[in-house]
Amino acid sequence: ATMRPTESQSGFRRRLSPLREFGKYLNAIGI
């Protein structure tokens, strides 16, 4: 989750959003 040189701020947020939601999902199912 490090911002790439060719990545915009909004693109960075979009890339990390699924990862954040996946982490929340894992916690929700007990992992």
PDB file of all heavy atoms in Angstrom:
ATOM      1  N   ALA A   1       0.830  -1.210   0.000  1.00  0.00           N
ATOM      2  CA  ALA A   1       0.000   0.000   0.000  1.00  0.00           C
ATOM      3  C   ALA A   1       0.863   1.259   0.000  1.00  0.00           C
ATOM      4  O   ALA A   1       0.742   2.128   0.862  1.00  0.00           O
ATOM      5  CB  ALA A   1      -0.935  -0.011   1.200  1.00  0.00           C
ATOM      6  N   THR A   2       1.739   1.344  -0.977  1.00  0.00           N
ATOM      7  CA  THR A   2       2.587   2.520  -1.146  1.00  0.00           C
ATOM      8  C   THR A   2       2.218   3.192  -2.460  1.00  0.00           C
ATOM      9  O   THR A   2       2.090   2.526  -3.488  1.00  0.00           O
ATOM     10  CB  THR A   2       4.079   2.125  -1.175  1.00  0.00           C
ATOM     11  OG1 THR A   2       4.405   1.469   0.056  1.00  0.00           O
ATOM     12  CG2 THR A   2       4.958   3.350  -1.347  1.00  0.00           C
ATOM     13  N   MET A   3       2.042   4.483  -2.415  1.00  0.00           N
ATOM     14  CA  MET A   3       1.631   5.209  -3.611  1.00  0.00           C
ATOM     15  C   MET A   3       2.712   5.132  -4.681  1.00  0.00           C
ATOM     16  O   MET A   3       3.888   5.399  -4.431  1.00  0.00           O
ATOM     17  CB  MET A   3       1.339   6.671  -3.258  1.00  0.00           C
ATOM     18  CG  MET A   3       0.693   7.454  -4.388  1.00  0.00           C
ATOM     19  SD  MET A   3       0.118   9.079  -3.806  1.00  0.00           S
ATOM     20  CE  MET A   3      -0.540   9.739  -5.348  1.00  0.00           C
ATOM     21  N   ARG A   4       2.315   4.733  -5.879  1.00  0.00           N
ATOM     22  CA  ARG A   4       3.250   4.577  -6.978  1.00  0.00           C
ATOM     23  C   ARG A   4       3.530   5.924  -7.657  1.00  0.00           C
ATOM     24  O   ARG A   4       2.670   6.809  -7.652  1.00  0.00           O
ATOM     25  CB  ARG A   4       2.678   3.585  -7.994  1.00  0.00           C
ATOM     26  CG  ARG A   4       2.448   2.199  -7.395  1.00  0.00           C
ATOM     27  CD  ARG A   4       1.546   1.349  -8.268  1.00  0.00           C
ATOM     28  NE  ARG A   4       1.280   0.046  -7.661  1.00  0.00           N
ATOM     29  CZ  ARG A   4       0.362  -0.821  -8.106  1.00  0.00           C
ATOM     30  NH1 ARG A   4      -0.388  -0.498  -9.149  1.00  0.00           N
ATOM     31  NH2 ARG A   4       0.181  -1.979  -7.495  1.00  0.00           N
ATOM     32  N   PRO A   5       4.701   6.074  -8.264  1.00  0.00           N
ATOM     33  CA  PRO A   5       5.063   7.349  -8.907  1.00  0.00           C
ATOM     34  C   PRO A   5       4.079   7.780  -9.987  1.00  0.00           C
ATOM     35  O   PRO A   5       3.877   8.971 -10.213  1.00  0.00           O
ATOM     36  CB  PRO A   5       6.454   7.077  -9.493  1.00  0.00           C
ATOM     37  CG  PRO A   5       6.999   5.964  -8.656  1.00  0.00           C
ATOM     38  CD  PRO A   5       5.813   5.109  -8.302  1.00  0.00           C
ATOM     39  N   THR A   6       3.479   6.797 -10.674  1.00  0.00           N
ATOM     40  CA  THR A   6       2.571   7.116 -11.773  1.00  0.00           C
ATOM     41  C   THR A   6       1.111   7.147 -11.337  1.00  0.00           C
ATOM     42  O   THR A   6       0.214   7.237 -12.176  1.00  0.00           O
ATOM     43  CB  THR A   6       2.727   6.062 -12.892  1.00  0.00           C
ATOM     44  OG1 THR A   6       2.452   4.751 -12.348  1.00  0.00           O
ATOM     45  CG2 THR A   6       4.130   6.081 -13.461  1.00  0.00           C
ATOM     46  N   GLU A   7       0.871   7.097 -10.035  1.00  0.00           N
ATOM     47  CA  GLU A   7      -0.488   6.961  -9.502  1.00  0.00           C
ATOM     48  C   GLU A   7      -0.990   8.293  -8.946  1.00  0.00           C
ATOM     49  O   GLU A   7      -0.266   9.006  -8.263  1.00  0.00           O
ATOM     50  CB  GLU A   7      -0.465   5.907  -8.387  1.00  0.00           C
ATOM     51  CG  GLU A   7      -1.805   5.312  -8.028  1.00  0.00           C
ATOM     52  CD  GLU A   7      -1.630   4.103  -7.130  1.00  0.00           C
ATOM     53  OE1 GLU A   7      -0.695   4.087  -6.309  1.00  0.00           O
ATOM     54  OE2 GLU A   7      -2.427   3.160  -7.255  1.00  0.00           O
ATOM     55  N   SER A   8      -2.229   8.616  -9.255  1.00  0.00           N
ATOM     56  CA  SER A   8      -2.833   9.817  -8.691  1.00  0.00           C
ATOM     57  C   SER A   8      -3.372   9.506  -7.295  1.00  0.00           C
ATOM     58  O   SER A   8      -3.499   8.338  -6.910  1.00  0.00           O
ATOM     59  CB  SER A   8      -3.989  10.297  -9.574  1.00  0.00           C
ATOM     60  OG  SER A   8      -5.050   9.351  -9.554  1.00  0.00           O
ATOM     61  N   GLN A   9      -3.703  10.556  -6.557  1.00  0.00           N
ATOM     62  CA  GLN A   9      -4.233  10.364  -5.205  1.00  0.00           C
ATOM     63  C   GLN A   9      -5.541   9.592  -5.232  1.00  0.00           C
ATOM     64  O   GLN A   9      -5.765   8.678  -4.433  1.00  0.00           O
ATOM     65  CB  GLN A   9      -4.450  11.731  -4.533  1.00  0.00           C
ATOM     66  CG  GLN A   9      -4.786  11.655  -3.046  1.00  0.00           C
ATOM     67  CD  GLN A   9      -3.596  11.265  -2.193  1.00  0.00           C
ATOM     68  OE1 GLN A   9      -2.472  11.591  -2.540  1.00  0.00           O
ATOM     69  NE2 GLN A   9      -3.831  10.564  -1.103  1.00  0.00           N
ATOM     70  N   SER A  10      -6.409   9.936  -6.180  1.00  0.00           N
ATOM     71  CA  SER A  10      -7.689   9.233  -6.268  1.00  0.00           C
ATOM     72  C   SER A  10      -7.487   7.784  -6.701  1.00  0.00           C
ATOM     73  O   SER A  10      -8.171   6.874  -6.223  1.00  0.00           O
ATOM     74  CB  SER A  10      -8.626   9.952  -7.240  1.00  0.00           C
ATOM     75  OG  SER A  10      -8.057  10.016  -8.540  1.00  0.00           O
ATOM     76  N   GLY A  11      -6.537   7.548  -7.615  1.00  0.00           N
ATOM     77  CA  GLY A  11      -6.253   6.185  -8.042  1.00  0.00           C
ATOM     78  C   GLY A  11      -5.686   5.355  -6.908  1.00  0.00           C
ATOM     79  O   GLY A  11      -5.994   4.157  -6.770  1.00  0.00           O
ATOM     80  N   PHE A  12      -4.862   5.980  -6.088  1.00  0.00           N
ATOM     81  CA  PHE A  12      -4.297   5.315  -4.910  1.00  0.00           C
ATOM     82  C   PHE A  12      -5.407   4.886  -3.956  1.00  0.00           C
ATOM     83  O   PHE A  12      -5.418   3.768  -3.439  1.00  0.00           O
ATOM     84  CB  PHE A  12      -3.321   6.278  -4.226  1.00  0.00           C
ATOM     85  CG  PHE A  12      -2.627   5.730  -3.014  1.00  0.00           C
ATOM     86  CD1 PHE A  12      -2.109   4.431  -3.005  1.00  0.00           C
ATOM     87  CD2 PHE A  12      -2.484   6.507  -1.876  1.00  0.00           C
ATOM     88  CE1 PHE A  12      -1.454   3.930  -1.887  1.00  0.00           C
ATOM     89  CE2 PHE A  12      -1.827   6.017  -0.751  1.00  0.00           C
ATOM     90  CZ  PHE A  12      -1.321   4.718  -0.754  1.00  0.00           C
ATOM     91  N   ARG A  13      -6.365   5.788  -3.722  1.00  0.00           N
ATOM     92  CA  ARG A  13      -7.479   5.457  -2.839  1.00  0.00           C
ATOM     93  C   ARG A  13      -8.310   4.309  -3.399  1.00  0.00           C
ATOM     94  O   ARG A  13      -8.728   3.413  -2.666  1.00  0.00           O
ATOM     95  CB  ARG A  13      -8.358   6.689  -2.618  1.00  0.00           C
ATOM     96  CG  ARG A  13      -7.764   7.722  -1.683  1.00  0.00           C
ATOM     97  CD  ARG A  13      -8.821   8.728  -1.259  1.00  0.00           C
ATOM     98  NE  ARG A  13      -9.345   9.477  -2.394  1.00  0.00           N
ATOM     99  CZ  ARG A  13      -8.827  10.615  -2.835  1.00  0.00           C
ATOM    100  NH1 ARG A  13      -7.766  11.130  -2.243  1.00  0.00           N
ATOM    101  NH2 ARG A  13      -9.360  11.240  -3.855  1.00  0.00           N
ATOM    102  N   ARG A  14      -8.559   4.346  -4.714  1.00  0.00           N
ATOM    103  CA  ARG A  14      -9.360   3.279  -5.330  1.00  0.00           C
ATOM    104  C   ARG A  14      -8.665   1.930  -5.224  1.00  0.00           C
ATOM    105  O   ARG A  14      -9.306   0.899  -5.048  1.00  0.00           O
ATOM    106  CB  ARG A  14      -9.656   3.627  -6.790  1.00  0.00           C
ATOM    107  CG  ARG A  14     -10.684   4.725  -6.982  1.00  0.00           C
ATOM    108  CD  ARG A  14     -11.178   4.760  -8.420  1.00  0.00           C
ATOM    109  NE  ARG A  14     -10.109   5.082  -9.362  1.00  0.00           N
ATOM    110  CZ  ARG A  14      -9.800   6.307  -9.727  1.00  0.00           C
ATOM    111  NH1 ARG A  14     -10.459   7.337  -9.219  1.00  0.00           N
ATOM    112  NH2 ARG A  14      -8.834   6.535 -10.597  1.00  0.00           N
ATOM    113  N   ARG A  15      -7.338   1.929  -5.356  1.00  0.00           N
ATOM    114  CA  ARG A  15      -6.605   0.664  -5.280  1.00  0.00           C
ATOM    115  C   ARG A  15      -6.638   0.074  -3.878  1.00  0.00           C
ATOM    116  O   ARG A  15      -6.717  -1.143  -3.700  1.00  0.00           O
ATOM    117  CB  ARG A  15      -5.151   0.891  -5.736  1.00  0.00           C
ATOM    118  CG  ARG A  15      -4.303  -0.379  -5.757  1.00  0.00           C
ATOM    119  CD  ARG A  15      -3.038  -0.175  -6.569  1.00  0.00           C
ATOM    120  NE  ARG A  15      -2.169   0.840  -6.001  1.00  0.00           N
ATOM    121  CZ  ARG A  15      -1.266   0.609  -5.052  1.00  0.00           C
ATOM    122  NH1 ARG A  15      -1.148  -0.604  -4.535  1.00  0.00           N
ATOM    123  NH2 ARG A  15      -0.477   1.582  -4.615  1.00  0.00           N
ATOM    124  N   LEU A  16      -6.590   0.944  -2.861  1.00  0.00           N
ATOM    125  CA  LEU A  16      -6.557   0.441  -1.491  1.00  0.00           C
ATOM    126  C   LEU A  16      -7.931   0.118  -0.924  1.00  0.00           C
ATOM    127  O   LEU A  16      -8.048  -0.653   0.030  1.00  0.00           O
ATOM    128  CB  LEU A  16      -5.876   1.471  -0.579  1.00  0.00           C
ATOM    129  CG  LEU A  16      -4.380   1.227  -0.317  1.00  0.00           C
ATOM    130  CD1 LEU A  16      -3.588   1.251  -1.621  1.00  0.00           C
ATOM    131  CD2 LEU A  16      -3.836   2.264   0.651  1.00  0.00           C
ATOM    132  N   SER A  17      -8.965   0.696  -1.499  1.00  0.00           N
ATOM    133  CA  SER A  17     -10.313   0.490  -0.972  1.00  0.00           C
ATOM    134  C   SER A  17     -10.721  -0.988  -0.917  1.00  0.00           C
ATOM    135  O   SER A  17     -11.211  -1.458   0.113  1.00  0.00           O
ATOM    136  CB  SER A  17     -11.324   1.292  -1.791  1.00  0.00           C
ATOM    137  OG  SER A  17     -12.630   1.095  -1.306  1.00  0.00           O
ATOM    138  N   PRO A  18     -10.511  -1.785  -1.994  1.00  0.00           N
ATOM    139  CA  PRO A  18     -10.884  -3.209  -1.918  1.00  0.00           C
ATOM    140  C   PRO A  18     -10.097  -3.960  -0.845  1.00  0.00           C
ATOM    141  O   PRO A  18     -10.638  -4.854  -0.185  1.00  0.00           O
ATOM    142  CB  PRO A  18     -10.551  -3.734  -3.325  1.00  0.00           C
ATOM    143  CG  PRO A  18     -10.584  -2.535  -4.205  1.00  0.00           C
ATOM    144  CD  PRO A  18     -10.057  -1.415  -3.353  1.00  0.00           C
ATOM    145  N   LEU A  19      -8.827  -3.592  -0.673  1.00  0.00           N
ATOM    146  CA  LEU A  19      -8.004  -4.257   0.336  1.00  0.00           C
ATOM    147  C   LEU A  19      -8.524  -3.958   1.741  1.00  0.00           C
ATOM    148  O   LEU A  19      -8.566  -4.845   2.603  1.00  0.00           O
ATOM    149  CB  LEU A  19      -6.553  -3.798   0.208  1.00  0.00           C
ATOM    150  CG  LEU A  19      -5.539  -4.470   1.149  1.00  0.00           C
ATOM    151  CD1 LEU A  19      -5.507  -5.977   0.912  1.00  0.00           C
ATOM    152  CD2 LEU A  19      -4.158  -3.870   0.950  1.00  0.00           C
ATOM    153  N   ARG A  20      -8.933  -2.719   1.954  1.00  0.00           N
ATOM    154  CA  ARG A  20      -9.504  -2.347   3.245  1.00  0.00           C
ATOM    155  C   ARG A  20     -10.794  -3.122   3.512  1.00  0.00           C
ATOM    156  O   ARG A  20     -11.010  -3.644   4.608  1.00  0.00           O
ATOM    157  CB  ARG A  20      -9.761  -0.838   3.274  1.00  0.00           C
ATOM    158  CG  ARG A  20     -10.556  -0.353   4.481  1.00  0.00           C
ATOM    159  CD  ARG A  20     -10.625   1.176   4.496  1.00  0.00           C
ATOM    160  NE  ARG A  20     -11.727   1.662   5.315  1.00  0.00           N
ATOM    161  CZ  ARG A  20     -11.716   1.661   6.647  1.00  0.00           C
ATOM    162  NH1 ARG A  20     -10.669   1.213   7.303  1.00  0.00           N
ATOM    163  NH2 ARG A  20     -12.745   2.129   7.314  1.00  0.00           N
ATOM    164  N   GLU A  21     -11.648  -3.214   2.492  1.00  0.00           N
ATOM    165  CA  GLU A  21     -12.913  -3.931   2.657  1.00  0.00           C
ATOM    166  C   GLU A  21     -12.675  -5.424   2.859  1.00  0.00           C
ATOM    167  O   GLU A  21     -13.404  -6.082   3.608  1.00  0.00           O
ATOM    168  CB  GLU A  21     -13.807  -3.690   1.434  1.00  0.00           C
ATOM    169  CG  GLU A  21     -14.254  -2.246   1.266  1.00  0.00           C
ATOM    170  CD  GLU A  21     -14.955  -1.711   2.505  1.00  0.00           C
ATOM    171  OE1 GLU A  21     -15.838  -2.412   3.041  1.00  0.00           O
ATOM    172  OE2 GLU A  21     -14.599  -0.606   2.952  1.00  0.00           O
ATOM    173  N   PHE A  22     -11.648  -5.964   2.196  1.00  0.00           N
ATOM    174  CA  PHE A  22     -11.342  -7.387   2.360  1.00  0.00           C
ATOM    175  C   PHE A  22     -10.887  -7.675   3.793  1.00  0.00           C
ATOM    176  O   PHE A  22     -11.263  -8.689   4.393  1.00  0.00           O
ATOM    177  CB  PHE A  22     -10.258  -7.808   1.365  1.00  0.00           C
ATOM    178  CG  PHE A  22      -9.921  -9.285   1.423  1.00  0.00           C
ATOM    179  CD1 PHE A  22     -10.883 -10.244   1.153  1.00  0.00           C
ATOM    180  CD2 PHE A  22      -8.639  -9.702   1.760  1.00  0.00           C
ATOM    181  CE1 PHE A  22     -10.579 -11.591   1.206  1.00  0.00           C
ATOM    182  CE2 PHE A  22      -8.325 -11.055   1.820  1.00  0.00           C
ATOM    183  CZ  PHE A  22      -9.299 -11.998   1.544  1.00  0.00           C
ATOM    184  N   GLY A  23     -10.085  -6.773   4.339  1.00  0.00           N
ATOM    185  CA  GLY A  23      -9.656  -6.942   5.723  1.00  0.00           C
ATOM    186  C   GLY A  23     -10.826  -6.909   6.679  1.00  0.00           C
ATOM    187  O   GLY A  23     -10.892  -7.698   7.643  1.00  0.00           O
ATOM    188  N   LYS A  24     -11.783  -6.020   6.440  1.00  0.00           N
ATOM    189  CA  LYS A  24     -12.982  -5.939   7.278  1.00  0.00           C
ATOM    190  C   LYS A  24     -13.820  -7.216   7.150  1.00  0.00           C
ATOM    191  O   LYS A  24     -14.392  -7.697   8.135  1.00  0.00           O
ATOM    192  CB  LYS A  24     -13.800  -4.710   6.873  1.00  0.00           C
ATOM    193  CG  LYS A  24     -13.125  -3.389   7.227  1.00  0.00           C
ATOM    194  CD  LYS A  24     -13.724  -2.201   6.506  1.00  0.00           C
ATOM    195  CE  LYS A  24     -15.175  -1.971   6.881  1.00  0.00           C
ATOM    196  NZ  LYS A  24     -15.694  -0.734   6.215  1.00  0.00           N
ATOM    197  N   TYR A  25     -13.858  -7.767   5.935  1.00  0.00           N
ATOM    198  CA  TYR A  25     -14.614  -8.999   5.708  1.00  0.00           C
ATOM    199  C   TYR A  25     -13.994 -10.167   6.467  1.00  0.00           C
ATOM    200  O   TYR A  25     -14.694 -10.958   7.116  1.00  0.00           O
ATOM    201  CB  TYR A  25     -14.661  -9.306   4.208  1.00  0.00           C
ATOM    202  CG  TYR A  25     -15.117 -10.713   3.890  1.00  0.00           C
ATOM    203  CD1 TYR A  25     -16.457 -11.071   4.011  1.00  0.00           C
ATOM    204  CD2 TYR A  25     -14.196 -11.684   3.468  1.00  0.00           C
ATOM    205  CE1 TYR A  25     -16.876 -12.365   3.727  1.00  0.00           C
ATOM    206  CE2 TYR A  25     -14.601 -12.974   3.191  1.00  0.00           C
ATOM    207  CZ  TYR A  25     -15.944 -13.311   3.319  1.00  0.00           C
ATOM    208  OH  TYR A  25     -16.350 -14.589   3.050  1.00  0.00           O
ATOM    209  N   LEU A  26     -12.662 -10.281   6.407  1.00  0.00           N
ATOM    210  CA  LEU A  26     -11.988 -11.372   7.114  1.00  0.00           C
ATOM    211  C   LEU A  26     -12.258 -11.298   8.616  1.00  0.00           C
ATOM    212  O   LEU A  26     -12.524 -12.323   9.264  1.00  0.00           O
ATOM    213  CB  LEU A  26     -10.487 -11.328   6.838  1.00  0.00           C
ATOM    214  CG  LEU A  26     -10.041 -11.655   5.402  1.00  0.00           C
ATOM    215  CD1 LEU A  26      -8.533 -11.513   5.276  1.00  0.00           C
ATOM    216  CD2 LEU A  26     -10.465 -13.076   5.014  1.00  0.00           C
ATOM    217  N   ASN A  27     -12.200 -10.107   9.160  1.00  0.00           N
ATOM    218  CA  ASN A  27     -12.487  -9.951  10.580  1.00  0.00           C
ATOM    219  C   ASN A  27     -13.931 -10.336  10.901  1.00  0.00           C
ATOM    220  O   ASN A  27     -14.223 -10.920  11.944  1.00  0.00           O
ATOM    221  CB  ASN A  27     -12.236  -8.502  11.025  1.00  0.00           C
ATOM    222  CG  ASN A  27     -10.759  -8.202  11.205  1.00  0.00           C
ATOM    223  OD1 ASN A  27      -9.985  -9.087  11.559  1.00  0.00           O
ATOM    224  ND2 ASN A  27     -10.362  -6.963  10.952  1.00  0.00           N
ATOM    225  N   ALA A  28     -14.831 -10.026   9.970  1.00  0.00           N
ATOM    226  CA  ALA A  28     -16.247 -10.312  10.191  1.00  0.00           C
ATOM    227  C   ALA A  28     -16.539 -11.809  10.231  1.00  0.00           C
ATOM    228  O   ALA A  28     -17.470 -12.253  10.914  1.00  0.00           O
ATOM    229  CB  ALA A  28     -17.088  -9.638   9.102  1.00  0.00           C
ATOM    230  N   ILE A  29     -15.733 -12.605   9.511  1.00  0.00           N
ATOM    231  CA  ILE A  29     -15.975 -14.057   9.501  1.00  0.00           C
ATOM    232  C   ILE A  29     -15.059 -14.792  10.477  1.00  0.00           C
ATOM    233  O   ILE A  29     -14.949 -16.014  10.440  1.00  0.00           O
ATOM    234  CB  ILE A  29     -15.799 -14.631   8.077  1.00  0.00           C
ATOM    235  CG1 ILE A  29     -14.363 -14.442   7.573  1.00  0.00           C
ATOM    236  CG2 ILE A  29     -16.797 -14.009   7.125  1.00  0.00           C
ATOM    237  CD1 ILE A  29     -14.107 -15.110   6.210  1.00  0.00           C
ATOM    238  N   GLY A  30     -14.408 -14.015  11.334  1.00  0.00           N
ATOM    239  CA  GLY A  30     -13.633 -14.632  12.400  1.00  0.00           C
ATOM    240  C   GLY A  30     -12.168 -14.837  12.126  1.00  0.00           C
ATOM    241  O   GLY A  30     -11.470 -15.482  12.915  1.00  0.00           O
ATOM    242  N   ILE A  31     -11.660 -14.314  11.016  1.00  0.00           N
ATOM    243  CA  ILE A  31     -10.240 -14.443  10.691  1.00  0.00           C
ATOM    244  C   ILE A  31      -9.546 -13.130  11.039  1.00  0.00           C
ATOM    245  O   ILE A  31      -9.849 -12.083  10.470  1.00  0.00           O
ATOM    246  CB  ILE A  31     -10.025 -14.771   9.207  1.00  0.00           C
ATOM    247  CG1 ILE A  31     -10.736 -16.080   8.843  1.00  0.00           C
ATOM    248  CG2 ILE A  31      -8.536 -14.860   8.886  1.00  0.00           C
ATOM    249  CD1 ILE A  31     -10.655 -16.434   7.375  1.00  0.00           C
TER     250      ILE A  31
END
